[in-house]
């Protein structure tokens, strides 16, 4: 999530606001290495918010995670 925010130029507070999730929850998830064991609905909110902003997730999240930004002209 942190890499995605960086590509978009968003702060943690911005992603939390756009995802309608608490900033404390986001910070807790970002502190965990790898995929956090978390509420699936919260992770899906972050994922859909980031994807709607142009983020594409690549690779295996456990072995070789990655993100790219799709510029939508």
PDB file of N, CA and C in Angstrom:
ATOM      1  N   UNK A   1       0.824  -1.186   0.000  1.00  0.00           N
ATOM      2  CA  UNK A   1       0.000   0.000   0.000  1.00  0.00           C
ATOM      3  C   UNK A   1       0.870   1.253   0.000  1.00  0.00           C
ATOM      4  N   UNK A   2       1.960   1.195   0.736  1.00  0.00           N
ATOM      5  CA  UNK A   2       2.837   2.369   0.828  1.00  0.00           C
ATOM      6  C   UNK A   2       3.419   2.727  -0.539  1.00  0.00           C
ATOM      7  N   UNK A   3       3.847   1.711  -1.298  1.00  0.00           N
ATOM      8  CA  UNK A   3       4.393   1.966  -2.638  1.00  0.00           C
ATOM      9  C   UNK A   3       3.326   2.564  -3.548  1.00  0.00           C
ATOM     10  N   UNK A   4       2.117   2.063  -3.433  1.00  0.00           N
ATOM     11  CA  UNK A   4       1.015   2.593  -4.244  1.00  0.00           C
ATOM     12  C   UNK A   4       0.742   4.048  -3.916  1.00  0.00           C
ATOM     13  N   UNK A   5       0.733   4.364  -2.622  1.00  0.00           N
ATOM     14  CA  UNK A   5       0.500   5.750  -2.201  1.00  0.00           C
ATOM     15  C   UNK A   5       1.584   6.666  -2.747  1.00  0.00           C
ATOM     16  N   UNK A   6       2.828   6.179  -2.718  1.00  0.00           N
ATOM     17  CA  UNK A   6       3.944   6.983  -3.210  1.00  0.00           C
ATOM     18  C   UNK A   6       3.779   7.285  -4.695  1.00  0.00           C
ATOM     19  N   UNK A   7       3.418   6.278  -5.477  1.00  0.00           N
ATOM     20  CA  UNK A   7       3.206   6.493  -6.912  1.00  0.00           C
ATOM     21  C   UNK A   7       2.116   7.520  -7.179  1.00  0.00           C
ATOM     22  N   UNK A   8       1.102   7.519  -6.341  1.00  0.00           N
ATOM     23  CA  UNK A   8      -0.023   8.449  -6.517  1.00  0.00           C
ATOM     24  C   UNK A   8       0.221   9.812  -5.875  1.00  0.00           C
ATOM     25  N   UNK A   9       1.240   9.899  -5.018  1.00  0.00           N
ATOM     26  CA  UNK A   9       1.492  11.150  -4.305  1.00  0.00           C
ATOM     27  C   UNK A   9       0.506  11.374  -3.172  1.00  0.00           C
ATOM     28  N   UNK A  10      -0.041  10.297  -2.627  1.00  0.00           N
ATOM     29  CA  UNK A  10      -1.022  10.383  -1.554  1.00  0.00           C
ATOM     30  C   UNK A  10      -0.366  10.143  -0.200  1.00  0.00           C
ATOM     31  N   UNK A  11      -0.849  10.827   0.795  1.00  0.00           N
ATOM     32  CA  UNK A  11      -0.457  10.551   2.178  1.00  0.00           C
ATOM     33  C   UNK A  11      -1.294   9.371   2.682  1.00  0.00           C
ATOM     34  N   UNK A  12      -0.906   8.859   3.847  1.00  0.00           N
ATOM     35  CA  UNK A  12      -1.696   7.797   4.465  1.00  0.00           C
ATOM     36  C   UNK A  12      -3.104   8.310   4.778  1.00  0.00           C
ATOM     37  N   UNK A  13      -3.183   9.544   5.241  1.00  0.00           N
ATOM     38  CA  UNK A  13      -4.485  10.127   5.560  1.00  0.00           C
ATOM     39  C   UNK A  13      -5.368  10.217   4.311  1.00  0.00           C
ATOM     40  N   UNK A  14      -4.762  10.533   3.166  1.00  0.00           N
ATOM     41  CA  UNK A  14      -5.519  10.637   1.910  1.00  0.00           C
ATOM     42  C   UNK A  14      -6.092   9.276   1.503  1.00  0.00           C
ATOM     43  N   UNK A  15      -5.263   8.234   1.564  1.00  0.00           N
ATOM     44  CA  UNK A  15      -5.754   6.903   1.207  1.00  0.00           C
ATOM     45  C   UNK A  15      -6.840   6.451   2.175  1.00  0.00           C
ATOM     46  N   UNK A  16      -6.644   6.698   3.444  1.00  0.00           N
ATOM     47  CA  UNK A  16      -7.651   6.312   4.434  1.00  0.00           C
ATOM     48  C   UNK A  16      -8.980   7.014   4.149  1.00  0.00           C
ATOM     49  N   UNK A  17      -8.906   8.303   3.864  1.00  0.00           N
ATOM     50  CA  UNK A  17     -10.115   9.081   3.587  1.00  0.00           C
ATOM     51  C   UNK A  17     -10.823   8.575   2.327  1.00  0.00           C
ATOM     52  N   UNK A  18     -10.046   8.374   1.259  1.00  0.00           N
ATOM     53  CA  UNK A  18     -10.638   7.930  -0.005  1.00  0.00           C
ATOM     54  C   UNK A  18     -11.215   6.512   0.099  1.00  0.00           C
ATOM     55  N   UNK A  19     -10.627   5.694   0.974  1.00  0.00           N
ATOM     56  CA  UNK A  19     -11.082   4.317   1.145  1.00  0.00           C
ATOM     57  C   UNK A  19     -12.191   4.193   2.176  1.00  0.00           C
ATOM     58  N   UNK A  20     -12.423   5.269   2.907  1.00  0.00           N
ATOM     59  CA  UNK A  20     -13.408   5.260   3.985  1.00  0.00           C
ATOM     60  C   UNK A  20     -13.028   4.245   5.071  1.00  0.00           C
ATOM     61  N   UNK A  21     -11.732   4.259   5.408  1.00  0.00           N
ATOM     62  CA  UNK A  21     -11.176   3.389   6.447  1.00  0.00           C
ATOM     63  C   UNK A  21     -10.374   4.281   7.386  1.00  0.00           C
ATOM     64  N   UNK A  22     -10.340   3.946   8.643  1.00  0.00           N
ATOM     65  CA  UNK A  22      -9.613   4.743   9.617  1.00  0.00           C
ATOM     66  C   UNK A  22      -8.113   4.797   9.353  1.00  0.00           C
ATOM     67  N   UNK A  23      -7.522   5.945   9.599  1.00  0.00           N
ATOM     68  CA  UNK A  23      -6.084   6.125   9.385  1.00  0.00           C
ATOM     69  C   UNK A  23      -5.267   5.202  10.285  1.00  0.00           C
ATOM     70  N   UNK A  24      -5.742   4.941  11.486  1.00  0.00           N
ATOM     71  CA  UNK A  24      -5.036   4.033  12.394  1.00  0.00           C
ATOM     72  C   UNK A  24      -5.009   2.625  11.824  1.00  0.00           C
ATOM     73  N   UNK A  25      -6.092   2.212  11.221  1.00  0.00           N
ATOM     74  CA  UNK A  25      -6.151   0.891  10.589  1.00  0.00           C
ATOM     75  C   UNK A  25      -5.142   0.807   9.457  1.00  0.00           C
ATOM     76  N   UNK A  26      -5.082   1.834   8.628  1.00  0.00           N
ATOM     77  CA  UNK A  26      -4.129   1.853   7.521  1.00  0.00           C
ATOM     78  C   UNK A  26      -2.699   1.776   8.045  1.00  0.00           C
ATOM     79  N   UNK A  27      -2.362   2.566   9.047  1.00  0.00           N
ATOM     80  CA  UNK A  27      -1.004   2.537   9.600  1.00  0.00           C
ATOM     81  C   UNK A  27      -0.660   1.151  10.132  1.00  0.00           C
ATOM     82  N   UNK A  28      -1.611   0.523  10.797  1.00  0.00           N
ATOM     83  CA  UNK A  28      -1.387  -0.820  11.342  1.00  0.00           C
ATOM     84  C   UNK A  28      -1.119  -1.818  10.213  1.00  0.00           C
ATOM     85  N   UNK A  29      -1.869  -1.743   9.133  1.00  0.00           N
ATOM     86  CA  UNK A  29      -1.680  -2.650   8.000  1.00  0.00           C
ATOM     87  C   UNK A  29      -0.343  -2.393   7.318  1.00  0.00           C
ATOM     88  N   UNK A  30       0.060  -1.143   7.199  1.00  0.00           N
ATOM     89  CA  UNK A  30       1.316  -0.823   6.521  1.00  0.00           C
ATOM     90  C   UNK A  30       2.548  -1.223   7.334  1.00  0.00           C
ATOM     91  N   UNK A  31       2.409  -1.389   8.631  1.00  0.00           N
ATOM     92  CA  UNK A  31       3.549  -1.770   9.463  1.00  0.00           C
ATOM     93  C   UNK A  31       3.868  -3.264   9.340  1.00  0.00           C
ATOM     94  N   UNK A  32       2.922  -4.050   8.850  1.00  0.00           N
ATOM     95  CA  UNK A  32       3.111  -5.496   8.722  1.00  0.00           C
ATOM     96  C   UNK A  32       3.865  -5.796   7.437  1.00  0.00           C
ATOM     97  N   UNK A  33       4.866  -6.669   7.514  1.00  0.00           N
ATOM     98  CA  UNK A  33       5.550  -7.104   6.300  1.00  0.00           C
ATOM     99  C   UNK A  33       4.694  -8.123   5.566  1.00  0.00           C
ATOM    100  N   UNK A  34       4.598  -8.012   4.261  1.00  0.00           N
ATOM    101  CA  UNK A  34       3.798  -8.947   3.477  1.00  0.00           C
ATOM    102  C   UNK A  34       2.324  -8.604   3.528  1.00  0.00           C
ATOM    103  N   UNK A  35       1.510  -9.610   3.317  1.00  0.00           N
ATOM    104  CA  UNK A  35       0.056  -9.423   3.312  1.00  0.00           C
ATOM    105  C   UNK A  35      -0.441  -9.469   4.756  1.00  0.00           C
ATOM    106  N   UNK A  36      -1.082  -8.409   5.222  1.00  0.00           N
ATOM    107  CA  UNK A  36      -1.553  -8.413   6.613  1.00  0.00           C
ATOM    108  C   UNK A  36      -2.712  -9.382   6.803  1.00  0.00           C
ATOM    109  N   UNK A  37      -2.732 -10.021   7.972  1.00  0.00           N
ATOM    110  CA  UNK A  37      -3.907 -10.829   8.295  1.00  0.00           C
ATOM    111  C   UNK A  37      -4.935  -9.833   8.816  1.00  0.00           C
ATOM    112  N   UNK A  38      -5.923  -9.552   7.991  1.00  0.00           N
ATOM    113  CA  UNK A  38      -6.822  -8.451   8.272  1.00  0.00           C
ATOM    114  C   UNK A  38      -8.224  -8.779   7.795  1.00  0.00           C
ATOM    115  N   UNK A  39      -9.110  -7.882   8.078  1.00  0.00           N
ATOM    116  CA  UNK A  39     -10.476  -7.983   7.619  1.00  0.00           C
ATOM    117  C   UNK A  39     -10.485  -7.875   6.096  1.00  0.00           C
ATOM    118  N   UNK A  40     -10.981  -8.885   5.418  1.00  0.00           N
ATOM    119  CA  UNK A  40     -10.973  -8.919   3.963  1.00  0.00           C
ATOM    120  C   UNK A  40     -11.712  -7.720   3.362  1.00  0.00           C
ATOM    121  N   UNK A  41     -12.809  -7.310   3.954  1.00  0.00           N
ATOM    122  CA  UNK A  41     -13.565  -6.183   3.389  1.00  0.00           C
ATOM    123  C   UNK A  41     -12.748  -4.895   3.440  1.00  0.00           C
ATOM    124  N   UNK A  42     -11.923  -4.724   4.466  1.00  0.00           N
ATOM    125  CA  UNK A  42     -11.081  -3.530   4.565  1.00  0.00           C
ATOM    126  C   UNK A  42      -9.991  -3.580   3.498  1.00  0.00           C
ATOM    127  N   UNK A  43      -9.352  -4.739   3.332  1.00  0.00           N
ATOM    128  CA  UNK A  43      -8.325  -4.865   2.297  1.00  0.00           C
ATOM    129  C   UNK A  43      -8.909  -4.612   0.913  1.00  0.00           C
ATOM    130  N   UNK A  44     -10.111  -5.088   0.678  1.00  0.00           N
ATOM    131  CA  UNK A  44     -10.755  -4.868  -0.621  1.00  0.00           C
ATOM    132  C   UNK A  44     -11.079  -3.395  -0.846  1.00  0.00           C
ATOM    133  N   UNK A  45     -11.398  -2.665   0.211  1.00  0.00           N
ATOM    134  CA  UNK A  45     -11.626  -1.215   0.076  1.00  0.00           C
ATOM    135  C   UNK A  45     -10.342  -0.521  -0.372  1.00  0.00           C
ATOM    136  N   UNK A  46      -9.225  -0.868   0.269  1.00  0.00           N
ATOM    137  CA  UNK A  46      -7.948  -0.280  -0.133  1.00  0.00           C
ATOM    138  C   UNK A  46      -7.620  -0.656  -1.571  1.00  0.00           C
ATOM    139  N   UNK A  47      -7.777  -1.927  -1.896  1.00  0.00           N
ATOM    140  CA  UNK A  47      -7.443  -2.407  -3.235  1.00  0.00           C
ATOM    141  C   UNK A  47      -8.272  -1.701  -4.307  1.00  0.00           C
ATOM    142  N   UNK A  48      -9.570  -1.629  -4.118  1.00  0.00           N
ATOM    143  CA  UNK A  48     -10.415  -1.007  -5.146  1.00  0.00           C
ATOM    144  C   UNK A  48     -10.146   0.495  -5.254  1.00  0.00           C
ATOM    145  N   UNK A  49      -9.878   1.158  -4.134  1.00  0.00           N
ATOM    146  CA  UNK A  49      -9.560   2.590  -4.175  1.00  0.00           C
ATOM    147  C   UNK A  49      -8.283   2.822  -4.972  1.00  0.00           C
ATOM    148  N   UNK A  50      -7.269   2.012  -4.709  1.00  0.00           N
ATOM    149  CA  UNK A  50      -5.993   2.166  -5.411  1.00  0.00           C
ATOM    150  C   UNK A  50      -6.128   1.813  -6.891  1.00  0.00           C
ATOM    151  N   UNK A  51      -6.836   0.746  -7.202  1.00  0.00           N
ATOM    152  CA  UNK A  51      -7.029   0.366  -8.602  1.00  0.00           C
ATOM    153  C   UNK A  51      -7.828   1.420  -9.363  1.00  0.00           C
ATOM    154  N   UNK A  52      -8.822   2.010  -8.748  1.00  0.00           N
ATOM    155  CA  UNK A  52      -9.606   3.068  -9.398  1.00  0.00           C
ATOM    156  C   UNK A  52      -8.761   4.304  -9.669  1.00  0.00           C
ATOM    157  N   UNK A  53      -7.691   4.470  -8.904  1.00  0.00           N
ATOM    158  CA  UNK A  53      -6.788   5.606  -9.111  1.00  0.00           C
ATOM    159  C   UNK A  53      -5.705   5.291 -10.139  1.00  0.00           C
ATOM    160  N   UNK A  54      -5.668   4.040 -10.644  1.00  0.00           N
ATOM    161  CA  UNK A  54      -4.715   3.676 -11.683  1.00  0.00           C
ATOM    162  C   UNK A  54      -3.624   2.708 -11.262  1.00  0.00           C
ATOM    163  N   UNK A  55      -3.653   2.241 -10.038  1.00  0.00           N
ATOM    164  CA  UNK A  55      -2.644   1.295  -9.571  1.00  0.00           C
ATOM    165  C   UNK A  55      -2.968  -0.099 -10.102  1.00  0.00           C
ATOM    166  N   UNK A  56      -1.930  -0.783 -10.589  1.00  0.00           N
ATOM    167  CA  UNK A  56      -2.064  -2.178 -11.001  1.00  0.00           C
ATOM    168  C   UNK A  56      -1.128  -2.998 -10.123  1.00  0.00           C
ATOM    169  N   UNK A  57      -1.662  -4.033  -9.513  1.00  0.00           N
ATOM    170  CA  UNK A  57      -0.864  -4.909  -8.669  1.00  0.00           C
ATOM    171  C   UNK A  57      -0.259  -5.998  -9.540  1.00  0.00           C
ATOM    172  N   UNK A  58       1.020  -6.303  -9.304  1.00  0.00           N
ATOM    173  CA  UNK A  58       1.732  -7.280 -10.118  1.00  0.00           C
ATOM    174  C   UNK A  58       2.480  -8.254  -9.224  1.00  0.00           C
ATOM    175  N   UNK A  59       2.775  -9.405  -9.756  1.00  0.00           N
ATOM    176  CA  UNK A  59       3.570 -10.392  -9.033  1.00  0.00           C
ATOM    177  C   UNK A  59       2.777 -11.090  -7.946  1.00  0.00           C
ATOM    178  N   UNK A  60       3.475 -11.921  -7.226  1.00  0.00           N
ATOM    179  CA  UNK A  60       2.894 -12.667  -6.110  1.00  0.00           C
ATOM    180  C   UNK A  60       3.091 -11.849  -4.842  1.00  0.00           C
ATOM    181  N   UNK A  61       2.030 -11.540  -4.114  1.00  0.00           N
ATOM    182  CA  UNK A  61       2.171 -10.677  -2.937  1.00  0.00           C
ATOM    183  C   UNK A  61       3.057 -11.255  -1.843  1.00  0.00           C
ATOM    184  N   UNK A  62       3.254 -12.574  -1.838  1.00  0.00           N
ATOM    185  CA  UNK A  62       4.087 -13.193  -0.813  1.00  0.00           C
ATOM    186  C   UNK A  62       5.543 -13.347  -1.242  1.00  0.00           C
ATOM    187  N   UNK A  63       5.797 -13.443  -2.557  1.00  0.00           N
ATOM    188  CA  UNK A  63       7.142 -13.720  -3.045  1.00  0.00           C
ATOM    189  C   UNK A  63       7.762 -12.526  -3.757  1.00  0.00           C
ATOM    190  N   UNK A  64       7.035 -11.940  -4.679  1.00  0.00           N
ATOM    191  CA  UNK A  64       7.586 -10.872  -5.516  1.00  0.00           C
ATOM    192  C   UNK A  64       6.523  -9.810  -5.777  1.00  0.00           C
ATOM    193  N   UNK A  65       6.101  -9.077  -4.730  1.00  0.00           N
ATOM    194  CA  UNK A  65       5.023  -8.102  -4.932  1.00  0.00           C
ATOM    195  C   UNK A  65       5.506  -6.884  -5.721  1.00  0.00           C
ATOM    196  N   UNK A  66       4.569  -6.264  -6.394  1.00  0.00           N
ATOM    197  CA  UNK A  66       4.902  -5.051  -7.116  1.00  0.00           C
ATOM    198  C   UNK A  66       3.654  -4.267  -7.492  1.00  0.00           C
ATOM    199  N   UNK A  67       3.859  -2.999  -7.796  1.00  0.00           N
ATOM    200  CA  UNK A  67       2.763  -2.145  -8.242  1.00  0.00           C
ATOM    201  C   UNK A  67       3.263  -1.264  -9.379  1.00  0.00           C
ATOM    202  N   UNK A  68       2.374  -0.933 -10.276  1.00  0.00           N
ATOM    203  CA  UNK A  68       2.666   0.028 -11.332  1.00  0.00           C
ATOM    204  C   UNK A  68       1.505   1.011 -11.396  1.00  0.00           C
ATOM    205  N   UNK A  69       1.770   2.164 -11.982  1.00  0.00           N
ATOM    206  CA  UNK A  69       0.731   3.174 -12.143  1.00  0.00           C
ATOM    207  C   UNK A  69       0.365   3.238 -13.608  1.00  0.00           C
ATOM    208  N   UNK A  70      -0.898   3.026 -13.897  1.00  0.00           N
ATOM    209  CA  UNK A  70      -1.428   3.096 -15.249  1.00  0.00           C
ATOM    210  C   UNK A  70      -1.928   4.518 -15.488  1.00  0.00           C
ATOM    211  N   UNK A  71      -1.197   5.259 -16.317  1.00  0.00           N
ATOM    212  CA  UNK A  71      -1.627   6.618 -16.636  1.00  0.00           C
ATOM    213  C   UNK A  71      -2.803   6.558 -17.583  1.00  0.00           C
ATOM    214  N   UNK A  72      -3.900   7.190 -17.197  1.00  0.00           N
ATOM    215  CA  UNK A  72      -5.136   7.107 -17.985  1.00  0.00           C
ATOM    216  C   UNK A  72      -5.385   8.370 -18.804  1.00  0.00           C
ATOM    217  N   UNK A  73      -4.354   9.001 -19.277  1.00  0.00           N
ATOM    218  CA  UNK A  73      -4.509  10.151 -20.159  1.00  0.00           C
ATOM    219  C   UNK A  73      -5.392  11.205 -19.749  1.00  0.00           C
TER     220      UNK A  73
END
